[in-house]
Amino acid sequence: MLPEALTALAAAGGAAVVQAAGSDAWEGLRNQLARWFGRGDAERERGELERLERSAAGLAAAGPDTLDRVRARQGAVWQTRIENLLEALDTDEQRAQAATELRQLLEETTPASGDGAGLVSGNTFNGPTAVQAGNHNRQDVRFGCQL
């Protein structure tokens, strides 16, 4: 199981894929993220490019009534893929290096909002963690009985 800081980083990566798809930032993020996943293996990099393109196509094809659900699903898919890669690395040192590389590529390829909205930095999470990133998010939280 990954430390919460790496889980949060993976969530940010998944959110970045969803946010960038169809935008001016897509080419840069897509290429760099595929290279990050490939870890020097050109065939694996090509496979990741194809997966990223399928994700972007699915997001582009989503209608207004399904877009939120498709965005959430694609964000979760990419978060899980990032978590799986980080978990598969052999040592903590390799994980730390990969995390540093991912943070850097997200900083370089994700458009910054002028007001700093949606940024999470230097936080400590104690207990269950929920990360939400992106524009036009909606969150419904209910406690107690559902009638």
N, C-alpha and C. Protein backbone atom coordinates (compact mmCIF):
# COMPACT_ATOMS: atom_id res chain seq x y z
N MET A 1 0.84 -1.18 0.00
CA MET A 1 0.00 0.00 0.00
C MET A 1 0.89 1.24 0.00
N LEU A 2 0.49 2.21 -0.79
CA LEU A 2 1.28 3.44 -0.92
C LEU A 2 1.03 4.38 0.24
N PRO A 3 2.04 5.18 0.59
CA PRO A 3 1.81 6.26 1.56
C PRO A 3 0.78 7.24 0.99
N GLU A 4 0.08 7.92 1.87
CA GLU A 4 -0.98 8.82 1.43
C GLU A 4 -0.50 9.93 0.52
N ALA A 5 0.72 10.39 0.71
CA ALA A 5 1.25 11.44 -0.16
C ALA A 5 1.36 10.94 -1.61
N LEU A 6 1.73 9.68 -1.80
CA LEU A 6 1.82 9.14 -3.15
C LEU A 6 0.43 8.87 -3.72
N THR A 7 -0.51 8.48 -2.87
CA THR A 7 -1.89 8.29 -3.32
C THR A 7 -2.46 9.63 -3.78
N ALA A 8 -2.18 10.68 -3.03
CA ALA A 8 -2.65 12.02 -3.42
C ALA A 8 -2.00 12.45 -4.73
N LEU A 9 -0.73 12.15 -4.92
CA LEU A 9 -0.05 12.47 -6.16
C LEU A 9 -0.68 11.71 -7.33
N ALA A 10 -0.99 10.44 -7.11
CA ALA A 10 -1.65 9.65 -8.15
C ALA A 10 -3.02 10.24 -8.50
N ALA A 11 -3.75 10.70 -7.49
CA ALA A 11 -5.04 11.34 -7.73
C ALA A 11 -4.87 12.61 -8.55
N ALA A 12 -3.84 13.38 -8.25
CA ALA A 12 -3.57 14.59 -9.02
C ALA A 12 -3.23 14.24 -10.47
N GLY A 13 -2.50 13.14 -10.66
CA GLY A 13 -2.19 12.70 -12.01
C GLY A 13 -3.43 12.30 -12.78
N GLY A 14 -4.32 11.56 -12.13
CA GLY A 14 -5.58 11.17 -12.78
C GLY A 14 -6.42 12.39 -13.13
N ALA A 15 -6.48 13.34 -12.21
CA ALA A 15 -7.24 14.57 -12.46
C ALA A 15 -6.61 15.37 -13.61
N ALA A 16 -5.29 15.38 -13.69
CA ALA A 16 -4.61 16.12 -14.75
C ALA A 16 -4.95 15.54 -16.13
N VAL A 17 -5.03 14.21 -16.22
CA VAL A 17 -5.39 13.59 -17.49
C VAL A 17 -6.78 14.07 -17.92
N VAL A 18 -7.72 14.02 -17.00
CA VAL A 18 -9.10 14.41 -17.31
C VAL A 18 -9.18 15.89 -17.67
N GLN A 19 -8.47 16.73 -16.94
CA GLN A 19 -8.51 18.17 -17.21
C GLN A 19 -7.86 18.52 -18.54
N ALA A 20 -6.76 17.85 -18.87
CA ALA A 20 -6.01 18.23 -20.06
C ALA A 20 -6.63 17.69 -21.35
N ALA A 21 -7.33 16.57 -21.27
CA ALA A 21 -7.90 15.96 -22.49
C ALA A 21 -8.73 16.99 -23.24
N GLY A 22 -8.43 17.16 -24.50
CA GLY A 22 -9.17 18.09 -25.34
C GLY A 22 -8.73 19.53 -25.21
N SER A 23 -7.73 19.81 -24.40
CA SER A 23 -7.26 21.18 -24.22
C SER A 23 -5.91 21.37 -24.90
N ASP A 24 -5.42 22.59 -24.86
CA ASP A 24 -4.10 22.89 -25.42
C ASP A 24 -2.99 22.16 -24.68
N ALA A 25 -3.22 21.80 -23.44
CA ALA A 25 -2.20 21.13 -22.63
C ALA A 25 -2.10 19.63 -22.92
N TRP A 26 -3.03 19.09 -23.69
CA TRP A 26 -3.12 17.65 -23.88
C TRP A 26 -1.86 17.04 -24.48
N GLU A 27 -1.36 17.58 -25.58
CA GLU A 27 -0.19 16.99 -26.26
C GLU A 27 0.99 16.84 -25.31
N GLY A 28 1.31 17.91 -24.60
CA GLY A 28 2.46 17.87 -23.70
C GLY A 28 2.26 16.86 -22.58
N LEU A 29 1.10 16.89 -21.93
CA LEU A 29 0.83 15.96 -20.83
C LEU A 29 0.83 14.53 -21.34
N ARG A 30 0.15 14.30 -22.43
CA ARG A 30 0.03 12.95 -22.99
C ARG A 30 1.41 12.36 -23.28
N ASN A 31 2.24 13.12 -23.97
CA ASN A 31 3.57 12.62 -24.35
C ASN A 31 4.46 12.38 -23.13
N GLN A 32 4.48 13.33 -22.22
CA GLN A 32 5.34 13.19 -21.05
C GLN A 32 4.85 12.09 -20.11
N LEU A 33 3.53 11.98 -19.95
CA LEU A 33 3.00 10.94 -19.07
C LEU A 33 3.26 9.55 -19.66
N ALA A 34 3.12 9.41 -20.97
CA ALA A 34 3.41 8.13 -21.61
C ALA A 34 4.89 7.78 -21.42
N ARG A 35 5.77 8.77 -21.55
CA ARG A 35 7.20 8.54 -21.35
C ARG A 35 7.46 8.13 -19.89
N TRP A 36 6.77 8.80 -18.95
CA TRP A 36 6.92 8.47 -17.53
C TRP A 36 6.51 7.02 -17.27
N PHE A 37 5.37 6.62 -17.83
CA PHE A 37 4.91 5.24 -17.66
C PHE A 37 5.85 4.26 -18.34
N GLY A 38 6.39 4.63 -19.51
CA GLY A 38 7.24 3.73 -20.26
C GLY A 38 8.54 3.40 -19.57
N ARG A 39 9.06 4.30 -18.73
CA ARG A 39 10.30 4.07 -17.98
C ARG A 39 11.41 3.56 -18.88
N GLY A 40 11.52 4.15 -20.10
CA GLY A 40 12.59 3.78 -21.01
C GLY A 40 12.24 2.66 -21.98
N ASP A 41 11.06 2.10 -21.89
CA ASP A 41 10.61 1.02 -22.78
C ASP A 41 9.70 1.64 -23.85
N ALA A 42 10.21 1.73 -25.08
CA ALA A 42 9.47 2.39 -26.16
C ALA A 42 8.14 1.70 -26.46
N GLU A 43 8.10 0.39 -26.40
CA GLU A 43 6.85 -0.33 -26.67
C GLU A 43 5.79 -0.02 -25.60
N ARG A 44 6.23 -0.01 -24.36
CA ARG A 44 5.29 0.32 -23.28
C ARG A 44 4.82 1.77 -23.42
N GLU A 45 5.70 2.66 -23.81
CA GLU A 45 5.33 4.07 -24.01
C GLU A 45 4.25 4.18 -25.10
N ARG A 46 4.42 3.45 -26.20
CA ARG A 46 3.40 3.47 -27.26
C ARG A 46 2.05 2.97 -26.74
N GLY A 47 2.09 1.92 -25.93
CA GLY A 47 0.85 1.40 -25.35
C GLY A 47 0.16 2.43 -24.47
N GLU A 48 0.94 3.16 -23.70
CA GLU A 48 0.36 4.20 -22.84
C GLU A 48 -0.22 5.34 -23.66
N LEU A 49 0.46 5.71 -24.77
CA LEU A 49 -0.08 6.74 -25.66
C LEU A 49 -1.44 6.31 -26.20
N GLU A 50 -1.56 5.03 -26.57
CA GLU A 50 -2.84 4.53 -27.06
C GLU A 50 -3.91 4.58 -25.97
N ARG A 51 -3.56 4.20 -24.76
CA ARG A 51 -4.52 4.25 -23.65
C ARG A 51 -4.97 5.69 -23.38
N LEU A 52 -4.01 6.60 -23.39
CA LEU A 52 -4.34 8.01 -23.16
C LEU A 52 -5.25 8.54 -24.26
N GLU A 53 -4.99 8.15 -25.50
CA GLU A 53 -5.84 8.59 -26.61
C GLU A 53 -7.25 8.02 -26.48
N ARG A 54 -7.37 6.77 -26.05
CA ARG A 54 -8.71 6.18 -25.84
C ARG A 54 -9.45 6.93 -24.74
N SER A 55 -8.73 7.31 -23.70
CA SER A 55 -9.36 8.08 -22.62
C SER A 55 -9.85 9.42 -23.13
N ALA A 56 -9.01 10.11 -23.90
CA ALA A 56 -9.40 11.41 -24.44
C ALA A 56 -10.59 11.27 -25.38
N ALA A 57 -10.60 10.23 -26.19
CA ALA A 57 -11.72 10.01 -27.11
C ALA A 57 -13.01 9.73 -26.33
N GLY A 58 -12.91 8.95 -25.27
CA GLY A 58 -14.09 8.69 -24.44
C GLY A 58 -14.63 9.94 -23.78
N LEU A 59 -13.73 10.80 -23.33
CA LEU A 59 -14.16 12.06 -22.74
C LEU A 59 -14.81 12.97 -23.78
N ALA A 60 -14.23 13.01 -24.98
CA ALA A 60 -14.77 13.85 -26.04
C ALA A 60 -16.15 13.36 -26.50
N ALA A 61 -16.36 12.05 -26.46
CA ALA A 61 -17.61 11.47 -26.93
C ALA A 61 -18.73 11.54 -25.89
N ALA A 62 -18.38 11.81 -24.66
CA ALA A 62 -19.39 11.82 -23.59
C ALA A 62 -20.37 12.98 -23.80
N GLY A 63 -21.62 12.66 -23.61
CA GLY A 63 -22.65 13.69 -23.70
C GLY A 63 -22.78 14.44 -22.39
N PRO A 64 -23.52 15.52 -22.40
CA PRO A 64 -23.67 16.34 -21.19
C PRO A 64 -24.23 15.56 -20.00
N ASP A 65 -25.07 14.57 -20.27
CA ASP A 65 -25.68 13.81 -19.19
C ASP A 65 -24.74 12.75 -18.60
N THR A 66 -23.67 12.40 -19.31
CA THR A 66 -22.74 11.38 -18.82
C THR A 66 -21.34 11.92 -18.56
N LEU A 67 -21.08 13.17 -18.89
CA LEU A 67 -19.72 13.70 -18.82
C LEU A 67 -19.13 13.60 -17.42
N ASP A 68 -19.89 13.97 -16.40
CA ASP A 68 -19.36 13.90 -15.03
C ASP A 68 -18.96 12.48 -14.65
N ARG A 69 -19.81 11.52 -15.02
CA ARG A 69 -19.51 10.13 -14.71
C ARG A 69 -18.28 9.64 -15.46
N VAL A 70 -18.16 10.00 -16.73
CA VAL A 70 -17.01 9.59 -17.54
C VAL A 70 -15.73 10.24 -17.01
N ARG A 71 -15.81 11.51 -16.64
CA ARG A 71 -14.65 12.20 -16.08
C ARG A 71 -14.20 11.52 -14.78
N ALA A 72 -15.14 11.20 -13.91
CA ALA A 72 -14.80 10.55 -12.64
C ALA A 72 -14.17 9.18 -12.90
N ARG A 73 -14.74 8.44 -13.84
CA ARG A 73 -14.21 7.11 -14.15
C ARG A 73 -12.81 7.19 -14.72
N GLN A 74 -12.60 8.09 -15.67
CA GLN A 74 -11.27 8.21 -16.28
C GLN A 74 -10.24 8.71 -15.26
N GLY A 75 -10.63 9.63 -14.41
CA GLY A 75 -9.71 10.08 -13.36
C GLY A 75 -9.31 8.94 -12.45
N ALA A 76 -10.28 8.10 -12.08
CA ALA A 76 -10.00 6.95 -11.21
C ALA A 76 -9.13 5.92 -11.93
N VAL A 77 -9.37 5.71 -13.22
CA VAL A 77 -8.57 4.75 -13.99
C VAL A 77 -7.11 5.18 -13.99
N TRP A 78 -6.87 6.46 -14.28
CA TRP A 78 -5.48 6.92 -14.35
C TRP A 78 -4.84 7.02 -12.97
N GLN A 79 -5.61 7.34 -11.96
CA GLN A 79 -5.07 7.31 -10.60
C GLN A 79 -4.60 5.89 -10.26
N THR A 80 -5.43 4.92 -10.57
CA THR A 80 -5.08 3.53 -10.29
C THR A 80 -3.86 3.08 -11.08
N ARG A 81 -3.77 3.47 -12.35
CA ARG A 81 -2.61 3.10 -13.16
C ARG A 81 -1.33 3.68 -12.56
N ILE A 82 -1.40 4.93 -12.11
CA ILE A 82 -0.23 5.57 -11.50
C ILE A 82 0.13 4.87 -10.20
N GLU A 83 -0.87 4.59 -9.36
CA GLU A 83 -0.62 3.88 -8.11
C GLU A 83 0.03 2.52 -8.37
N ASN A 84 -0.48 1.80 -9.37
CA ASN A 84 0.07 0.48 -9.69
C ASN A 84 1.53 0.57 -10.12
N LEU A 85 1.85 1.56 -10.93
CA LEU A 85 3.25 1.72 -11.34
C LEU A 85 4.13 2.00 -10.13
N LEU A 86 3.70 2.93 -9.28
CA LEU A 86 4.50 3.27 -8.10
C LEU A 86 4.68 2.07 -7.18
N GLU A 87 3.61 1.29 -6.97
CA GLU A 87 3.70 0.11 -6.12
C GLU A 87 4.61 -0.96 -6.70
N ALA A 88 4.68 -1.04 -8.03
CA ALA A 88 5.48 -2.08 -8.69
C ALA A 88 6.98 -1.79 -8.65
N LEU A 89 7.36 -0.56 -8.34
CA LEU A 89 8.78 -0.25 -8.28
C LEU A 89 9.40 -0.97 -7.09
N ASP A 90 10.65 -1.40 -7.25
CA ASP A 90 11.29 -2.29 -6.28
C ASP A 90 11.67 -1.62 -4.96
N THR A 91 12.09 -0.38 -5.00
CA THR A 91 12.61 0.23 -3.78
C THR A 91 11.93 1.56 -3.50
N ASP A 92 12.03 2.00 -2.25
CA ASP A 92 11.51 3.31 -1.87
C ASP A 92 12.23 4.41 -2.65
N GLU A 93 13.50 4.21 -2.93
CA GLU A 93 14.27 5.19 -3.68
C GLU A 93 13.72 5.33 -5.11
N GLN A 94 13.39 4.22 -5.74
CA GLN A 94 12.80 4.27 -7.08
C GLN A 94 11.44 4.95 -7.06
N ARG A 95 10.64 4.65 -6.02
CA ARG A 95 9.33 5.29 -5.88
C ARG A 95 9.49 6.79 -5.70
N ALA A 96 10.44 7.20 -4.87
CA ALA A 96 10.67 8.63 -4.63
C ALA A 96 11.10 9.32 -5.91
N GLN A 97 11.97 8.68 -6.68
CA GLN A 97 12.43 9.27 -7.94
C GLN A 97 11.27 9.39 -8.93
N ALA A 98 10.46 8.35 -9.05
CA ALA A 98 9.31 8.38 -9.95
C ALA A 98 8.31 9.44 -9.52
N ALA A 99 8.10 9.58 -8.21
CA ALA A 99 7.18 10.60 -7.70
C ALA A 99 7.69 12.00 -8.02
N THR A 100 8.97 12.21 -7.86
CA THR A 100 9.56 13.51 -8.19
C THR A 100 9.38 13.82 -9.67
N GLU A 101 9.62 12.84 -10.50
CA GLU A 101 9.44 13.01 -11.95
C GLU A 101 7.99 13.33 -12.29
N LEU A 102 7.05 12.63 -11.65
CA LEU A 102 5.63 12.86 -11.91
C LEU A 102 5.22 14.26 -11.46
N ARG A 103 5.65 14.65 -10.26
CA ARG A 103 5.33 16.01 -9.79
C ARG A 103 5.83 17.05 -10.78
N GLN A 104 7.06 16.88 -11.24
CA GLN A 104 7.66 17.83 -12.16
C GLN A 104 6.89 17.89 -13.48
N LEU A 105 6.54 16.74 -14.03
CA LEU A 105 5.83 16.77 -15.30
C LEU A 105 4.43 17.36 -15.14
N LEU A 106 3.78 17.13 -14.00
CA LEU A 106 2.48 17.74 -13.77
C LEU A 106 2.60 19.26 -13.65
N GLU A 107 3.63 19.72 -12.99
CA GLU A 107 3.85 21.17 -12.87
C GLU A 107 4.12 21.79 -14.23
N GLU A 108 4.86 21.09 -15.07
CA GLU A 108 5.23 21.62 -16.39
C GLU A 108 4.08 21.58 -17.39
N THR A 109 3.20 20.61 -17.28
CA THR A 109 2.20 20.40 -18.32
C THR A 109 0.78 20.79 -17.93
N THR A 110 0.55 21.03 -16.66
CA THR A 110 -0.80 21.37 -16.22
C THR A 110 -0.93 22.88 -16.15
N PRO A 111 -1.90 23.43 -16.86
CA PRO A 111 -2.05 24.88 -16.82
C PRO A 111 -2.35 25.36 -15.41
N ALA A 112 -1.65 26.38 -15.01
CA ALA A 112 -1.87 26.95 -13.67
C ALA A 112 -3.05 27.89 -13.72
N SER A 113 -3.90 27.79 -12.72
CA SER A 113 -4.98 28.77 -12.62
C SER A 113 -4.42 29.97 -11.87
N GLY A 114 -4.82 31.12 -12.26
CA GLY A 114 -4.27 32.34 -11.69
C GLY A 114 -4.51 32.50 -10.21
N ASP A 115 -5.55 31.89 -9.68
CA ASP A 115 -5.87 32.10 -8.27
C ASP A 115 -5.36 30.99 -7.36
N GLY A 116 -4.69 30.00 -7.92
CA GLY A 116 -4.16 28.91 -7.11
C GLY A 116 -5.23 27.93 -6.66
N ALA A 117 -6.42 28.03 -7.20
CA ALA A 117 -7.50 27.15 -6.80
C ALA A 117 -7.18 25.71 -7.17
N GLY A 118 -7.52 24.81 -6.32
CA GLY A 118 -7.35 23.40 -6.59
C GLY A 118 -5.97 22.85 -6.30
N LEU A 119 -5.07 23.68 -5.83
CA LEU A 119 -3.72 23.21 -5.56
C LEU A 119 -3.65 22.62 -4.16
N VAL A 120 -2.97 21.51 -4.05
CA VAL A 120 -2.73 20.88 -2.76
C VAL A 120 -1.23 20.72 -2.63
N SER A 121 -0.67 21.26 -1.56
CA SER A 121 0.78 21.20 -1.42
C SER A 121 1.16 21.15 0.05
N GLY A 122 2.08 20.26 0.39
CA GLY A 122 2.64 20.20 1.73
C GLY A 122 1.65 19.82 2.81
N ASN A 123 0.61 19.10 2.45
CA ASN A 123 -0.39 18.72 3.44
C ASN A 123 -0.06 17.37 4.07
N THR A 124 -0.53 17.19 5.28
CA THR A 124 -0.43 15.90 5.95
C THR A 124 -1.84 15.37 6.11
N PHE A 125 -2.04 14.14 5.69
CA PHE A 125 -3.35 13.52 5.79
C PHE A 125 -3.32 12.49 6.90
N ASN A 126 -4.24 12.60 7.82
CA ASN A 126 -4.38 11.64 8.90
C ASN A 126 -5.75 11.01 8.78
N GLY A 127 -5.76 9.73 8.54
CA GLY A 127 -7.04 9.05 8.40
C GLY A 127 -7.41 8.93 6.94
N PRO A 128 -8.65 8.60 6.65
CA PRO A 128 -9.09 8.44 5.27
C PRO A 128 -8.89 9.74 4.50
N THR A 129 -8.45 9.61 3.27
CA THR A 129 -8.14 10.77 2.45
C THR A 129 -9.04 10.80 1.23
N ALA A 130 -9.57 11.96 0.94
CA ALA A 130 -10.30 12.18 -0.29
C ALA A 130 -9.66 13.37 -0.98
N VAL A 131 -9.35 13.22 -2.26
CA VAL A 131 -8.74 14.29 -3.02
C VAL A 131 -9.66 14.60 -4.18
N GLN A 132 -9.94 15.87 -4.36
CA GLN A 132 -10.78 16.31 -5.46
C GLN A 132 -10.03 17.42 -6.16
N ALA A 133 -9.87 17.30 -7.46
CA ALA A 133 -9.16 18.31 -8.22
C ALA A 133 -9.88 18.55 -9.52
N GLY A 134 -9.77 19.75 -10.02
CA GLY A 134 -10.35 20.06 -11.33
C GLY A 134 -11.29 21.22 -11.26
N ASN A 135 -11.73 21.62 -12.41
CA ASN A 135 -12.67 22.72 -12.52
C ASN A 135 -14.09 22.18 -12.55
N HIS A 136 -15.00 22.95 -12.05
CA HIS A 136 -16.43 22.62 -12.09
C HIS A 136 -16.74 21.30 -11.39
N ASN A 137 -16.07 21.05 -10.28
CA ASN A 137 -16.32 19.83 -9.52
C ASN A 137 -17.65 19.93 -8.78
N ARG A 138 -18.21 18.80 -8.53
CA ARG A 138 -19.42 18.72 -7.71
C ARG A 138 -19.21 17.61 -6.72
N GLN A 139 -19.56 17.87 -5.49
CA GLN A 139 -19.42 16.85 -4.46
C GLN A 139 -20.67 16.89 -3.59
N ASP A 140 -21.30 15.74 -3.45
CA ASP A 140 -22.45 15.59 -2.57
C ASP A 140 -22.04 14.67 -1.43
N VAL A 141 -22.13 15.15 -0.22
CA VAL A 141 -21.77 14.34 0.95
C VAL A 141 -23.02 14.23 1.82
N ARG A 142 -23.38 12.99 2.13
CA ARG A 142 -24.56 12.76 2.97
C ARG A 142 -24.16 11.83 4.10
N PHE A 143 -24.62 12.14 5.28
CA PHE A 143 -24.38 11.30 6.43
C PHE A 143 -25.73 10.87 6.99
N GLY A 144 -25.77 9.70 7.57
CA GLY A 144 -27.01 9.23 8.18
C GLY A 144 -27.80 8.35 7.23
N CYS A 145 -29.06 8.15 7.56
CA CYS A 145 -29.93 7.27 6.80
C CYS A 145 -30.38 7.90 5.50
N GLN A 146 -30.50 7.09 4.50
CA GLN A 146 -31.09 7.49 3.25
C GLN A 146 -32.54 7.01 3.26
N LEU A 147 -33.46 7.88 3.10
CA LEU A 147 -34.87 7.49 3.08
C LEU A 147 -35.42 7.45 1.68
